[in-house]
């Protein structure tokens, strides 16, 4: 079994298998963007993470006709 963190499946509402296949089992552990450490030990380090998740979920549901 592969680890499945909640953010890896974000936007997959009707078919969790497709979500898993599209996001895959591999993920980054540390990521720097513009000199900023935005991913630390596999966890996003964003100030407005919850707000971004809400916006992403709303947009993904609308795109899939589920809003």
Protein backbone atom coordinates (compact mmCIF):
# COMPACT_ATOMS: atom_id res chain seq x y z
CA UNK A 1 0.00 0.00 0.00
CA UNK A 2 1.09 3.56 -0.69
CA UNK A 3 0.60 6.50 1.59
CA UNK A 4 -2.44 8.56 0.66
CA UNK A 5 -2.33 12.01 2.22
CA UNK A 6 -5.57 14.01 1.95
CA UNK A 7 -4.05 16.63 -0.36
CA UNK A 8 -3.00 14.01 -2.92
CA UNK A 9 -6.65 13.15 -3.60
CA UNK A 10 -7.99 16.72 -3.58
CA UNK A 11 -10.62 17.17 -6.29
CA UNK A 12 -11.38 13.47 -6.75
CA UNK A 13 -15.04 13.09 -5.78
CA UNK A 14 -16.67 10.39 -7.87
CA UNK A 15 -13.86 7.96 -8.67
CA UNK A 16 -11.16 7.48 -6.00
CA UNK A 17 -9.28 4.98 -8.19
CA UNK A 18 -8.95 7.55 -10.98
CA UNK A 19 -7.82 10.11 -8.40
CA UNK A 20 -5.16 7.70 -7.15
CA UNK A 21 -4.01 6.92 -10.69
CA UNK A 22 -3.77 10.60 -11.63
CA UNK A 23 -1.95 11.67 -8.47
CA UNK A 24 0.18 8.53 -8.24
CA UNK A 25 1.92 7.10 -5.19
CA UNK A 26 5.03 9.27 -5.50
CA UNK A 27 5.28 12.72 -3.97
CA UNK A 28 7.90 15.29 -3.16
CA UNK A 29 9.36 15.51 0.33
CA UNK A 30 11.02 18.96 0.20
CA UNK A 31 10.31 21.70 -2.34
CA UNK A 32 11.66 25.22 -2.64
CA UNK A 33 9.97 27.83 -4.86
CA UNK A 34 11.62 31.18 -5.30
CA UNK A 35 13.92 30.38 -2.37
CA UNK A 36 10.94 29.68 -0.11
CA UNK A 37 10.59 26.25 1.54
CA UNK A 38 6.97 25.46 0.62
CA UNK A 39 7.02 21.70 1.23
CA UNK A 40 8.73 20.38 4.37
CA UNK A 41 8.76 16.64 5.13
CA UNK A 42 5.89 16.15 2.68
CA UNK A 43 3.68 18.81 4.29
CA UNK A 44 2.73 22.08 2.61
CA UNK A 45 3.92 25.15 4.45
CA UNK A 46 1.44 27.72 3.14
CA UNK A 47 -0.14 30.42 5.29
CA UNK A 48 -3.56 30.20 3.59
CA UNK A 49 -3.65 26.42 3.00
CA UNK A 50 -7.20 25.89 4.29
CA UNK A 51 -8.57 28.75 2.16
CA UNK A 52 -6.79 27.36 -0.90
CA UNK A 53 -8.25 23.90 -0.27
CA UNK A 54 -11.78 25.35 -0.03
CA UNK A 55 -11.31 27.27 -3.29
CA UNK A 56 -9.83 24.25 -5.06
CA UNK A 57 -12.65 22.00 -3.87
CA UNK A 58 -15.28 24.49 -5.06
CA UNK A 59 -13.64 24.79 -8.50
CA UNK A 60 -13.12 21.01 -8.87
CA UNK A 61 -16.74 20.27 -7.97
CA UNK A 62 -17.96 22.89 -10.48
CA UNK A 63 -15.74 21.45 -13.24
CA UNK A 64 -17.17 17.98 -12.55
CA UNK A 65 -20.76 19.25 -12.49
CA UNK A 66 -21.14 18.46 -8.79
CA UNK A 67 -21.69 21.95 -7.35
